[in-house]
Amino acid sequence: MAGDATGAKDWSLPAGRERQSAPAERAVDVTRSEGGDYVVAAEVLAESFGLTADAFWREMKRGIVYGIVERGEGEDAGQIRLTFRYRAQSWSITLEDRA
């Protein structure tokens, strides 16, 4: 399964730091685990949040990086939106549910 992803980075930065531009839309592989969970490569998310892989996992274990799954209803039925959050940043991808 693949989808187009955009990174929404709209936050205030301390003085002296540059604002990073949101990554361009790109194809991202999303798989399903045996239990039916959606899986996105940690490297993709770490890069999107400007983190190293080690920092990403550390923040995830602390609960500072987390994900939300939303299933569309009505005219959005059949779509799934995965949103990952890290502090004031978010990264989302919308998929067609083919399950």
Protein backbone atom coordinates (compact mmCIF):
# COMPACT_ATOMS: atom_id res chain seq x y z
CA MET A 1 0.00 0.00 0.00
CA ALA A 2 1.39 3.42 -0.81
CA GLY A 3 0.11 6.91 -0.30
CA ASP A 4 1.14 10.51 -0.67
CA ALA A 5 2.42 12.09 2.51
CA THR A 6 2.90 15.63 3.60
CA GLY A 7 4.59 16.84 6.72
CA ALA A 8 2.81 19.62 8.51
CA LYS A 9 5.44 21.61 10.40
CA ASP A 10 3.87 24.76 11.70
CA TRP A 11 5.44 25.69 15.01
CA SER A 12 7.45 28.46 16.65
CA LEU A 13 11.20 27.99 16.85
CA PRO A 14 13.63 29.45 19.36
CA ALA A 15 15.75 32.36 18.15
CA GLY A 16 18.68 31.29 16.00
CA ARG A 17 17.00 28.19 14.54
CA GLU A 18 15.79 27.96 10.96
CA ARG A 19 12.31 26.78 10.10
CA GLN A 20 12.49 23.51 8.21
CA SER A 21 10.29 23.30 5.19
CA ALA A 22 7.78 20.48 5.00
CA PRO A 23 9.02 17.54 2.94
CA ALA A 24 7.71 17.38 -0.59
CA GLU A 25 4.96 14.90 -1.30
CA ARG A 26 6.42 11.48 -1.91
CA ALA A 27 5.36 7.89 -2.12
CA VAL A 28 5.60 6.10 1.23
CA ASP A 29 5.21 2.37 1.73
CA VAL A 30 2.68 1.44 4.38
CA THR A 31 2.25 -2.22 5.26
CA ARG A 32 -0.10 -4.14 7.54
CA SER A 33 1.08 -6.33 10.39
CA GLU A 34 -0.36 -9.79 10.99
CA GLY A 35 -2.60 -8.17 13.61
CA GLY A 36 -3.90 -5.63 11.06
CA ASP A 37 -1.95 -2.61 12.34
CA TYR A 38 -0.60 -0.11 9.82
CA VAL A 39 3.21 0.04 9.70
CA VAL A 40 5.32 2.97 8.45
CA ALA A 41 9.12 2.70 8.47
CA ALA A 42 10.62 4.41 11.51
CA GLU A 43 13.26 6.00 9.28
CA VAL A 44 10.57 7.85 7.30
CA LEU A 45 8.99 9.25 10.45
CA ALA A 46 12.32 10.09 12.13
CA GLU A 47 13.42 12.01 9.02
CA SER A 48 10.09 13.81 8.83
CA PHE A 49 10.52 15.05 12.41
CA GLY A 50 14.22 15.87 12.02
CA LEU A 51 15.26 13.13 14.45
CA THR A 52 17.89 10.42 14.33
CA ALA A 53 16.57 6.86 14.48
CA ASP A 54 17.83 6.54 18.08
CA ALA A 55 16.16 9.78 19.15
CA PHE A 56 12.94 8.73 17.40
CA TRP A 57 12.75 5.43 19.30
CA ARG A 58 13.65 7.13 22.58
CA GLU A 59 10.86 9.70 22.14
CA MET A 60 8.42 7.01 21.06
CA LYS A 61 9.11 4.96 24.21
CA ARG A 62 8.50 8.11 26.27
CA GLY A 63 5.16 8.61 24.49
CA ILE A 64 6.24 11.91 22.93
CA VAL A 65 5.99 10.43 19.42
CA TYR A 66 2.65 8.72 18.88
CA GLY A 67 0.20 7.86 16.14
CA ILE A 68 -3.53 8.16 15.52
CA VAL A 69 -5.61 6.13 13.02
CA GLU A 70 -8.83 7.65 11.65
CA ARG A 71 -11.31 5.82 9.43
CA GLY A 72 -13.38 7.92 7.04
CA GLU A 73 -17.16 8.03 7.28
CA GLY A 74 -19.81 9.22 4.84
CA GLU A 75 -18.19 10.59 1.69
CA ASP A 76 -14.77 9.73 3.15
CA ALA A 77 -15.69 6.07 3.73
CA GLY A 78 -12.94 3.75 2.56
CA GLN A 79 -10.15 6.16 3.48
CA ILE A 80 -7.73 5.83 6.36
CA ARG A 81 -5.68 8.73 7.73
CA LEU A 82 -2.59 7.97 9.78
CA THR A 83 -1.29 10.94 11.76
CA PHE A 84 1.93 10.85 13.74
CA ARG A 85 2.75 13.57 16.25
CA TYR A 86 5.98 14.71 17.84
CA ARG A 87 5.68 17.69 20.14
CA ALA A 88 4.11 20.48 18.01
CA GLN A 89 4.80 18.69 14.70
CA SER A 90 2.56 16.31 12.82
CA TRP A 91 2.93 14.08 9.77
CA SER A 92 -0.09 12.54 8.02
CA ILE A 93 -0.78 10.13 5.23
CA THR A 94 -4.17 9.25 3.73
CA LEU A 95 -4.74 5.76 2.33
CA GLU A 96 -7.47 3.95 0.49
CA ASP A 97 -8.65 1.07 2.71
CA ARG A 98 -8.40 -2.09 0.63
CA ALA A 99 -8.97 -4.50 3.51
